């Protein structure tokens, strides 16, 4: 009799555990579905973020490639990766389309490289991250800007790090990248996000017109006329400085040799 009672108790506990486990799975699935649908249509302009199917595919990619640092629920893991709740499609598109994410080592600086995902996969991941809320991908159109205004705004707000030619430069703690590969949308995203060491410029500081104008100037600066100077292939200020030092060293050696030859005679 005692054995039968024990078996009944064990079976009852197992049934309760299974029931609670099933309930937990249902609640997790419901929470994920609410997060995906919370953003609604139009969260990310130019992407399929309003499509639940794209967000579902993005969730699968996220679990496979991003969750090790950002967690299965995208809320981040201390010491590994920040929470992505509220960063929006804007940040997801920027970091993925420029190859800054994913990182091989979470302590590595996020520098531009070849994207790890195909454009369709990036759209799916952007749809998933954008479903958690946050700013959409900005609509940047250089044709709406003014190149003179863009030059003036870039000179005041950007050239201190990226140089007036947008070829990049050295800053405290890192290197400001060249903008020769950045698309107008990526320029607008970087302005609003402030990736890595770059400061964030909100709309009250740089308006949409300012961003359009900056993008127009950056595109124009990629093809300078080099009137009255030697462009050295527009390789950027850092290697250009090395070339200048090399030429100066060769000149000093030549002068020293010439002086030495005169001294011998």
C-alpha atoms as a PDB file:
ATOM      1  CA  UNK A   1       0.000   0.000   0.000  1.00  0.00           C
ATOM      2  CA  UNK A   2       2.814   2.379   0.935  1.00  0.00           C
ATOM      3  CA  UNK A   3       4.595   1.574  -2.337  1.00  0.00           C
ATOM      4  CA  UNK A   4       1.461   2.407  -4.331  1.00  0.00           C
ATOM      5  CA  UNK A   5       1.059   5.730  -2.557  1.00  0.00           C
ATOM      6  CA  UNK A   6       4.673   6.620  -3.277  1.00  0.00           C
ATOM      7  CA  UNK A   7       4.277   5.800  -6.942  1.00  0.00           C
ATOM      8  CA  UNK A   8       1.146   7.947  -7.101  1.00  0.00           C
ATOM      9  CA  UNK A   9       2.995  10.857  -5.480  1.00  0.00           C
ATOM     10  CA  UNK A  10       5.939  10.532  -7.861  1.00  0.00           C
ATOM     11  CA  UNK A  11       3.654  10.385 -10.886  1.00  0.00           C
ATOM     12  CA  UNK A  12       1.770  13.402  -9.604  1.00  0.00           C
ATOM     13  CA  UNK A  13       4.985  15.416  -9.158  1.00  0.00           C
ATOM     14  CA  UNK A  14       6.169  14.475 -12.649  1.00  0.00           C
ATOM     15  CA  UNK A  15       2.839  15.538 -14.121  1.00  0.00           C
ATOM     16  CA  UNK A  16       3.007  18.875 -12.287  1.00  0.00           C
ATOM     17  CA  UNK A  17       6.596  19.460 -13.473  1.00  0.00           C
ATOM     18  CA  UNK A  18       5.659  18.694 -17.075  1.00  0.00           C
ATOM     19  CA  UNK A  19       2.667  21.020 -16.842  1.00  0.00           C
ATOM     20  CA  UNK A  20       4.763  23.893 -15.475  1.00  0.00           C
ATOM     21  CA  UNK A  21       7.440  23.257 -18.117  1.00  0.00           C
ATOM     22  CA  UNK A  22       4.861  23.407 -20.887  1.00  0.00           C
ATOM     23  CA  UNK A  23       3.386  26.566 -19.401  1.00  0.00           C
ATOM     24  CA  UNK A  24       6.850  28.153 -19.289  1.00  0.00           C
ATOM     25  CA  UNK A  25       7.457  27.356 -22.959  1.00  0.00           C
ATOM     26  CA  UNK A  26       4.107  28.848 -23.886  1.00  0.00           C
ATOM     27  CA  UNK A  27       4.876  32.040 -21.954  1.00  0.00           C
ATOM     28  CA  UNK A  28       8.331  32.364 -23.575  1.00  0.00           C
ATOM     29  CA  UNK A  29       6.863  31.886 -27.031  1.00  0.00           C
ATOM     30  CA  UNK A  30       4.150  34.436 -26.303  1.00  0.00           C
ATOM     31  CA  UNK A  31       6.713  36.962 -25.037  1.00  0.00           C
ATOM     32  CA  UNK A  32       8.844  36.496 -28.142  1.00  0.00           C
ATOM     33  CA  UNK A  33       5.828  36.929 -30.382  1.00  0.00           C
ATOM     34  CA  UNK A  34       4.813  40.112 -28.572  1.00  0.00           C
ATOM     35  CA  UNK A  35       8.351  41.506 -28.891  1.00  0.00           C
ATOM     36  CA  UNK A  36       8.409  40.767 -32.610  1.00  0.00           C
ATOM     37  CA  UNK A  37       5.020  42.326 -33.245  1.00  0.00           C
ATOM     38  CA  UNK A  38       5.439  45.274 -30.885  1.00  0.00           C
ATOM     39  CA  UNK A  39       7.235  47.461 -33.400  1.00  0.00           C
ATOM     40  CA  UNK A  40       4.560  47.114 -36.048  1.00  0.00           C
ATOM     41  CA  UNK A  41       4.941  48.005 -39.730  1.00  0.00           C
ATOM     42  CA  UNK A  42       7.510  50.566 -40.784  1.00  0.00           C
ATOM     43  CA  UNK A  43       9.983  50.070 -37.952  1.00  0.00           C
ATOM     44  CA  UNK A  44      12.884  49.949 -40.382  1.00  0.00           C
ATOM     45  CA  UNK A  45      12.571  51.862 -43.631  1.00  0.00           C
ATOM     46  CA  UNK A  46      13.865  49.930 -46.591  1.00  0.00           C
ATOM     47  CA  UNK A  47      13.771  46.586 -44.786  1.00  0.00           C
ATOM     48  CA  UNK A  48      11.209  43.862 -44.169  1.00  0.00           C
ATOM     49  CA  UNK A  49      11.041  44.577 -40.438  1.00  0.00           C
ATOM     50  CA  UNK A  50       7.250  44.773 -40.538  1.00  0.00           C
ATOM     51  CA  UNK A  51       7.134  41.208 -41.819  1.00  0.00           C
ATOM     52  CA  UNK A  52       6.792  38.696 -39.000  1.00  0.00           C
ATOM     53  CA  UNK A  53       8.364  36.034 -41.210  1.00  0.00           C
ATOM     54  CA  UNK A  54      11.531  38.108 -41.612  1.00  0.00           C
ATOM     55  CA  UNK A  55      11.670  38.697 -37.861  1.00  0.00           C
ATOM     56  CA  UNK A  56      11.259  34.964 -37.251  1.00  0.00           C
ATOM     57  CA  UNK A  57      14.150  34.190 -39.590  1.00  0.00           C
ATOM     58  CA  UNK A  58      16.128  36.926 -37.877  1.00  0.00           C
ATOM     59  CA  UNK A  59      15.454  35.318 -34.511  1.00  0.00           C
ATOM     60  CA  UNK A  60      16.958  32.048 -35.757  1.00  0.00           C
ATOM     61  CA  UNK A  61      20.058  33.840 -37.078  1.00  0.00           C
ATOM     62  CA  UNK A  62      20.346  35.816 -33.860  1.00  0.00           C
ATOM     63  CA  UNK A  63      20.325  32.699 -31.689  1.00  0.00           C
ATOM     64  CA  UNK A  64      22.952  31.075 -33.898  1.00  0.00           C
ATOM     65  CA  UNK A  65      25.336  34.017 -34.326  1.00  0.00           C
ATOM     66  CA  UNK A  66      24.643  36.745 -31.760  1.00  0.00           C
ATOM     67  CA  UNK A  67      23.196  35.220 -28.592  1.00  0.00           C
ATOM     68  CA  UNK A  68      26.587  34.118 -27.266  1.00  0.00           C
ATOM     69  CA  UNK A  69      27.340  37.796 -26.500  1.00  0.00           C
ATOM     70  CA  UNK A  70      23.920  39.462 -26.400  1.00  0.00           C
ATOM     71  CA  UNK A  71      21.933  36.654 -24.760  1.00  0.00           C
ATOM     72  CA  UNK A  72      19.041  34.595 -26.112  1.00  0.00           C
ATOM     73  CA  UNK A  73      16.593  37.362 -25.197  1.00  0.00           C
ATOM     74  CA  UNK A  74      18.816  40.171 -26.620  1.00  0.00           C
ATOM     75  CA  UNK A  75      19.128  41.723 -23.160  1.00  0.00           C
ATOM     76  CA  UNK A  76      22.908  41.475 -23.134  1.00  0.00           C
ATOM     77  CA  UNK A  77      25.467  39.541 -21.120  1.00  0.00           C
ATOM     78  CA  UNK A  78      27.734  41.426 -18.662  1.00  0.00           C
ATOM     79  CA  UNK A  79      31.288  41.549 -19.951  1.00  0.00           C
ATOM     80  CA  UNK A  80      30.277  40.167 -23.342  1.00  0.00           C
ATOM     81  CA  UNK A  81      27.739  42.342 -25.143  1.00  0.00           C
ATOM     82  CA  UNK A  82      25.209  45.102 -24.346  1.00  0.00           C
ATOM     83  CA  UNK A  83      21.447  44.838 -24.404  1.00  0.00           C
ATOM     84  CA  UNK A  84      19.877  45.414 -27.809  1.00  0.00           C
ATOM     85  CA  UNK A  85      16.440  46.267 -26.469  1.00  0.00           C
ATOM     86  CA  UNK A  86      15.546  49.690 -27.838  1.00  0.00           C
ATOM     87  CA  UNK A  87      18.612  50.215 -30.042  1.00  0.00           C
ATOM     88  CA  UNK A  88      16.340  49.933 -33.061  1.00  0.00           C
ATOM     89  CA  UNK A  89      16.793  48.933 -36.669  1.00  0.00           C
ATOM     90  CA  UNK A  90      19.139  51.902 -37.059  1.00  0.00           C
ATOM     91  CA  UNK A  91      21.932  50.445 -34.902  1.00  0.00           C
ATOM     92  CA  UNK A  92      21.398  46.875 -36.110  1.00  0.00           C
ATOM     93  CA  UNK A  93      21.653  47.896 -39.770  1.00  0.00           C
ATOM     94  CA  UNK A  94      24.739  50.035 -39.193  1.00  0.00           C
ATOM     95  CA  UNK A  95      26.779  47.495 -37.257  1.00  0.00           C
ATOM     96  CA  UNK A  96      25.824  44.562 -39.488  1.00  0.00           C
ATOM     97  CA  UNK A  97      26.064  46.291 -42.881  1.00  0.00           C
ATOM     98  CA  UNK A  98      29.511  47.729 -42.063  1.00  0.00           C
ATOM     99  CA  UNK A  99      30.812  44.399 -40.756  1.00  0.00           C
ATOM    100  CA  UNK A 100      31.464  45.823 -37.296  1.00  0.00           C
ATOM    101  CA  UNK A 101      29.402  43.002 -35.845  1.00  0.00           C
ATOM    102  CA  UNK A 102      29.692  40.212 -34.966  1.00  0.00           C
ATOM    103  CA  UNK A 103      33.078  40.421 -33.263  1.00  0.00           C
ATOM    104  CA  UNK A 104      35.415  37.463 -32.867  1.00  0.00           C
ATOM    105  CA  UNK A 105      36.360  38.828 -29.463  1.00  0.00           C
ATOM    106  CA  UNK A 106      33.960  41.068 -27.506  1.00  0.00           C
ATOM    107  CA  UNK A 107      36.937  43.159 -26.390  1.00  0.00           C
ATOM    108  CA  UNK A 108      38.016  43.965 -29.943  1.00  0.00           C
ATOM    109  CA  UNK A 109      37.202  47.464 -31.272  1.00  0.00           C
ATOM    110  CA  UNK A 110      34.329  47.441 -33.774  1.00  0.00           C
ATOM    111  CA  UNK A 111      36.080  48.391 -37.005  1.00  0.00           C
ATOM    112  CA  UNK A 112      34.679  48.281 -40.502  1.00  0.00           C
ATOM    113  CA  UNK A 113      35.240  45.023 -42.341  1.00  0.00           C
ATOM    114  CA  UNK A 114      33.477  42.722 -44.758  1.00  0.00           C
ATOM    115  CA  UNK A 115      29.912  41.971 -43.556  1.00  0.00           C
ATOM    116  CA  UNK A 116      29.496  38.472 -42.124  1.00  0.00           C
ATOM    117  CA  UNK A 117      25.945  38.144 -43.466  1.00  0.00           C
ATOM    118  CA  UNK A 118      24.316  38.452 -46.863  1.00  0.00           C
ATOM    119  CA  UNK A 119      22.015  41.480 -47.394  1.00  0.00           C
ATOM    120  CA  UNK A 120      18.885  39.320 -47.031  1.00  0.00           C
ATOM    121  CA  UNK A 121      20.167  37.932 -43.731  1.00  0.00           C
ATOM    122  CA  UNK A 122      21.003  41.433 -42.519  1.00  0.00           C
ATOM    123  CA  UNK A 123      17.433  42.503 -43.328  1.00  0.00           C
ATOM    124  CA  UNK A 124      16.100  39.598 -41.264  1.00  0.00           C
ATOM    125  CA  UNK A 125      18.324  40.409 -38.287  1.00  0.00           C
ATOM    126  CA  UNK A 126      17.406  44.093 -38.549  1.00  0.00           C
ATOM    127  CA  UNK A 127      13.737  43.097 -38.550  1.00  0.00           C
ATOM    128  CA  UNK A 128      14.193  41.047 -35.390  1.00  0.00           C
ATOM    129  CA  UNK A 129      16.185  43.681 -33.477  1.00  0.00           C
ATOM    130  CA  UNK A 130      13.928  46.466 -34.725  1.00  0.00           C
ATOM    131  CA  UNK A 131      10.930  44.620 -33.315  1.00  0.00           C
ATOM    132  CA  UNK A 132      12.177  45.401 -29.802  1.00  0.00           C
ATOM    133  CA  UNK A 133      11.679  49.111 -30.423  1.00  0.00           C
ATOM    134  CA  UNK A 134      14.016  51.994 -31.122  1.00  0.00           C
ATOM    135  CA  UNK A 135      14.805  54.361 -33.983  1.00  0.00           C
ATOM    136  CA  UNK A 136      14.303  53.183 -37.584  1.00  0.00           C
ATOM    137  CA  UNK A 137      16.882  53.318 -40.330  1.00  0.00           C
ATOM    138  CA  UNK A 138      17.215  57.013 -41.261  1.00  0.00           C
ATOM    139  CA  UNK A 139      16.194  58.167 -44.727  1.00  0.00           C
ATOM    140  CA  UNK A 140      19.297  60.031 -45.954  1.00  0.00           C
ATOM    141  CA  UNK A 141      19.235  61.686 -49.384  1.00  0.00           C
ATOM    142  CA  UNK A 142      22.320  63.690 -50.434  1.00  0.00           C
ATOM    143  CA  UNK A 143      20.276  65.317 -53.208  1.00  0.00           C
ATOM    144  CA  UNK A 144      18.265  67.150 -50.540  1.00  0.00           C
ATOM    145  CA  UNK A 145      21.429  68.615 -49.027  1.00  0.00           C
ATOM    146  CA  UNK A 146      23.712  71.481 -49.970  1.00  0.00           C
ATOM    147  CA  UNK A 147      27.379  70.776 -50.624  1.00  0.00           C
ATOM    148  CA  UNK A 148      28.599  74.104 -49.243  1.00  0.00           C
ATOM    149  CA  UNK A 149      26.547  73.682 -46.088  1.00  0.00           C
ATOM    150  CA  UNK A 150      27.785  70.104 -45.877  1.00  0.00           C
ATOM    151  CA  UNK A 151      31.406  71.251 -46.086  1.00  0.00           C
ATOM    152  CA  UNK A 152      30.879  73.829 -43.349  1.00  0.00           C
ATOM    153  CA  UNK A 153      29.024  71.403 -41.072  1.00  0.00           C
ATOM    154  CA  UNK A 154      31.550  68.627 -41.642  1.00  0.00           C
ATOM    155  CA  UNK A 155      34.425  71.025 -40.934  1.00  0.00           C
ATOM    156  CA  UNK A 156      32.872  72.044 -37.613  1.00  0.00           C
ATOM    157  CA  UNK A 157      31.579  68.681 -36.391  1.00  0.00           C
ATOM    158  CA  UNK A 158      33.528  65.897 -38.102  1.00  0.00           C
ATOM    159  CA  UNK A 159      36.881  67.014 -39.523  1.00  0.00           C
ATOM    160  CA  UNK A 160      38.575  67.075 -36.125  1.00  0.00           C
ATOM    161  CA  UNK A 161      38.662  63.270 -36.252  1.00  0.00           C
ATOM    162  CA  UNK A 162      38.005  62.275 -39.860  1.00  0.00           C
ATOM    163  CA  UNK A 163      40.074  65.111 -41.419  1.00  0.00           C
ATOM    164  CA  UNK A 164      38.565  67.615 -43.820  1.00  0.00           C
ATOM    165  CA  UNK A 165      39.016  65.137 -46.690  1.00  0.00           C
ATOM    166  CA  UNK A 166      37.039  62.454 -44.798  1.00  0.00           C
ATOM    167  CA  UNK A 167      40.075  60.180 -45.150  1.00  0.00           C
ATOM    168  CA  UNK A 168      40.250  59.311 -41.451  1.00  0.00           C
ATOM    169  CA  UNK A 169      42.815  60.095 -38.785  1.00  0.00           C
ATOM    170  CA  UNK A 170      44.237  59.254 -35.384  1.00  0.00           C
ATOM    171  CA  UNK A 171      42.335  60.200 -32.226  1.00  0.00           C
ATOM    172  CA  UNK A 172      42.948  59.519 -28.550  1.00  0.00           C
ATOM    173  CA  UNK A 173      42.374  55.837 -27.931  1.00  0.00           C
ATOM    174  CA  UNK A 174      41.820  54.782 -31.520  1.00  0.00           C
ATOM    175  CA  UNK A 175      41.605  55.657 -35.189  1.00  0.00           C
ATOM    176  CA  UNK A 176      38.792  57.557 -36.882  1.00  0.00           C
ATOM    177  CA  UNK A 177      38.024  55.494 -40.003  1.00  0.00           C
ATOM    178  CA  UNK A 178      37.985  56.852 -43.541  1.00  0.00           C
ATOM    179  CA  UNK A 179      34.527  57.407 -44.993  1.00  0.00           C
ATOM    180  CA  UNK A 180      35.331  56.349 -48.537  1.00  0.00           C
ATOM    181  CA  UNK A 181      33.173  53.207 -48.250  1.00  0.00           C
ATOM    182  CA  UNK A 182      30.303  54.591 -46.182  1.00  0.00           C
ATOM    183  CA  UNK A 183      26.926  54.869 -47.867  1.00  0.00           C
ATOM    184  CA  UNK A 184      24.739  57.927 -47.218  1.00  0.00           C
ATOM    185  CA  UNK A 185      22.510  55.830 -44.939  1.00  0.00           C
ATOM    186  CA  UNK A 186      25.510  54.550 -42.981  1.00  0.00           C
ATOM    187  CA  UNK A 187      26.728  58.126 -42.561  1.00  0.00           C
ATOM    188  CA  UNK A 188      23.338  59.113 -41.153  1.00  0.00           C
ATOM    189  CA  UNK A 189      23.283  56.076 -38.868  1.00  0.00           C
ATOM    190  CA  UNK A 190      26.761  56.831 -37.515  1.00  0.00           C
ATOM    191  CA  UNK A 191      25.791  60.438 -36.808  1.00  0.00           C
ATOM    192  CA  UNK A 192      22.832  59.323 -34.691  1.00  0.00           C
ATOM    193  CA  UNK A 193      24.450  56.280 -33.048  1.00  0.00           C
ATOM    194  CA  UNK A 194      27.945  57.546 -32.261  1.00  0.00           C
ATOM    195  CA  UNK A 195      29.757  54.220 -32.749  1.00  0.00           C
ATOM    196  CA  UNK A 196      32.860  53.398 -30.678  1.00  0.00           C
ATOM    197  CA  UNK A 197      34.710  56.663 -29.912  1.00  0.00           C
ATOM    198  CA  UNK A 198      32.504  58.874 -32.075  1.00  0.00           C
ATOM    199  CA  UNK A 199      30.138  61.235 -30.238  1.00  0.00           C
ATOM    200  CA  UNK A 200      26.411  60.959 -30.846  1.00  0.00           C
ATOM    201  CA  UNK A 201      24.705  63.872 -32.611  1.00  0.00           C
ATOM    202  CA  UNK A 202      21.001  64.116 -31.873  1.00  0.00           C
ATOM    203  CA  UNK A 203      18.564  65.891 -34.183  1.00  0.00           C
ATOM    204  CA  UNK A 204      18.685  69.183 -32.235  1.00  0.00           C
ATOM    205  CA  UNK A 205      22.450  69.300 -32.856  1.00  0.00           C
ATOM    206  CA  UNK A 206      22.532  68.055 -36.458  1.00  0.00           C
ATOM    207  CA  UNK A 207      19.234  68.194 -38.309  1.00  0.00           C
ATOM    208  CA  UNK A 208      18.151  65.896 -41.129  1.00  0.00           C
ATOM    209  CA  UNK A 209      19.153  68.644 -43.562  1.00  0.00           C
ATOM    210  CA  UNK A 210      22.597  68.791 -41.953  1.00  0.00           C
ATOM    211  CA  UNK A 211      23.003  65.024 -42.343  1.00  0.00           C
ATOM    212  CA  UNK A 212      21.877  65.120 -45.979  1.00  0.00           C
ATOM    213  CA  UNK A 213      24.386  67.903 -46.632  1.00  0.00           C
ATOM    214  CA  UNK A 214      27.217  66.081 -44.834  1.00  0.00           C
ATOM    215  CA  UNK A 215      26.531  62.965 -46.894  1.00  0.00           C
ATOM    216  CA  UNK A 216      26.627  65.021 -50.077  1.00  0.00           C
ATOM    217  CA  UNK A 217      29.949  66.584 -49.134  1.00  0.00           C
ATOM    218  CA  UNK A 218      31.500  63.223 -48.148  1.00  0.00           C
ATOM    219  CA  UNK A 219      30.519  61.739 -51.514  1.00  0.00           C
ATOM    220  CA  UNK A 220      32.017  64.764 -53.270  1.00  0.00           C
ATOM    221  CA  UNK A 221      35.250  64.584 -51.234  1.00  0.00           C
ATOM    222  CA  UNK A 222      36.006  61.125 -52.619  1.00  0.00           C
ATOM    223  CA  UNK A 223      36.991  62.633 -55.973  1.00  0.00           C
ATOM    224  CA  UNK A 224      39.066  65.759 -55.234  1.00  0.00           C
ATOM    225  CA  UNK A 225      40.700  67.694 -58.060  1.00  0.00           C
ATOM    226  CA  UNK A 226      44.076  68.067 -56.259  1.00  0.00           C
ATOM    227  CA  UNK A 227      44.710  71.491 -57.788  1.00  0.00           C
ATOM    228  CA  UNK A 228      48.222  72.650 -56.892  1.00  0.00           C
ATOM    229  CA  UNK A 229      49.164  69.574 -54.866  1.00  0.00           C
ATOM    230  CA  UNK A 230      50.126  65.919 -54.896  1.00  0.00           C
ATOM    231  CA  UNK A 231      47.308  63.620 -53.763  1.00  0.00           C
ATOM    232  CA  UNK A 232      49.509  60.522 -53.224  1.00  0.00           C
ATOM    233  CA  UNK A 233      46.591  58.404 -54.277  1.00  0.00           C
ATOM    234  CA  UNK A 234      44.415  59.763 -51.449  1.00  0.00           C
ATOM    235  CA  UNK A 235      45.643  57.051 -49.119  1.00  0.00           C
ATOM    236  CA  UNK A 236      44.814  59.049 -46.006  1.00  0.00           C
ATOM    237  CA  UNK A 237      46.646  61.280 -43.520  1.00  0.00           C
ATOM    238  CA  UNK A 238      48.398  58.487 -41.591  1.00  0.00           C
ATOM    239  CA  UNK A 239      50.159  56.798 -44.540  1.00  0.00           C
ATOM    240  CA  UNK A 240      50.647  60.199 -46.171  1.00  0.00           C
ATOM    241  CA  UNK A 241      52.556  61.276 -43.060  1.00  0.00           C
ATOM    242  CA  UNK A 242      54.731  58.178 -43.294  1.00  0.00           C
ATOM    243  CA  UNK A 243      55.480  58.971 -46.937  1.00  0.00           C
ATOM    244  CA  UNK A 244      56.419  62.527 -45.966  1.00  0.00           C
ATOM    245  CA  UNK A 245      58.788  61.266 -43.244  1.00  0.00           C
ATOM    246  CA  UNK A 246      60.359  58.792 -45.688  1.00  0.00           C
ATOM    247  CA  UNK A 247      60.940  61.507 -48.291  1.00  0.00           C
ATOM    248  CA  UNK A 248      62.376  63.812 -45.613  1.00  0.00           C
ATOM    249  CA  UNK A 249      64.710  61.047 -44.388  1.00  0.00           C
ATOM    250  CA  UNK A 250      65.979  60.379 -47.910  1.00  0.00           C
ATOM    251  CA  UNK A 251      66.522  64.111 -48.412  1.00  0.00           C
ATOM    252  CA  UNK A 252      68.482  64.402 -45.142  1.00  0.00           C
ATOM    253  CA  UNK A 253      70.687  61.446 -46.078  1.00  0.00           C
ATOM    254  CA  UNK A 254      71.328  62.978 -49.516  1.00  0.00           C
ATOM    255  CA  UNK A 255      72.238  66.361 -47.977  1.00  0.00           C
ATOM    256  CA  UNK A 256      74.508  64.710 -45.399  1.00  0.00           C
ATOM    257  CA  UNK A 257      76.255  62.726 -48.116  1.00  0.00           C
ATOM    258  CA  UNK A 258      76.689  65.838 -50.249  1.00  0.00           C
ATOM    259  CA  UNK A 259      78.174  67.769 -47.326  1.00  0.00           C
ATOM    260  CA  UNK A 260      80.472  64.866 -46.524  1.00  0.00           C
ATOM    261  CA  UNK A 261      81.764  64.672 -50.095  1.00  0.00           C
ATOM    262  CA  UNK A 262      82.519  68.398 -50.096  1.00  0.00           C
ATOM    263  CA  UNK A 263      84.362  68.033 -46.807  1.00  0.00           C
ATOM    264  CA  UNK A 264      86.639  65.340 -48.227  1.00  0.00           C
ATOM    265  CA  UNK A 265      87.706  67.553 -51.120  1.00  0.00           C
END
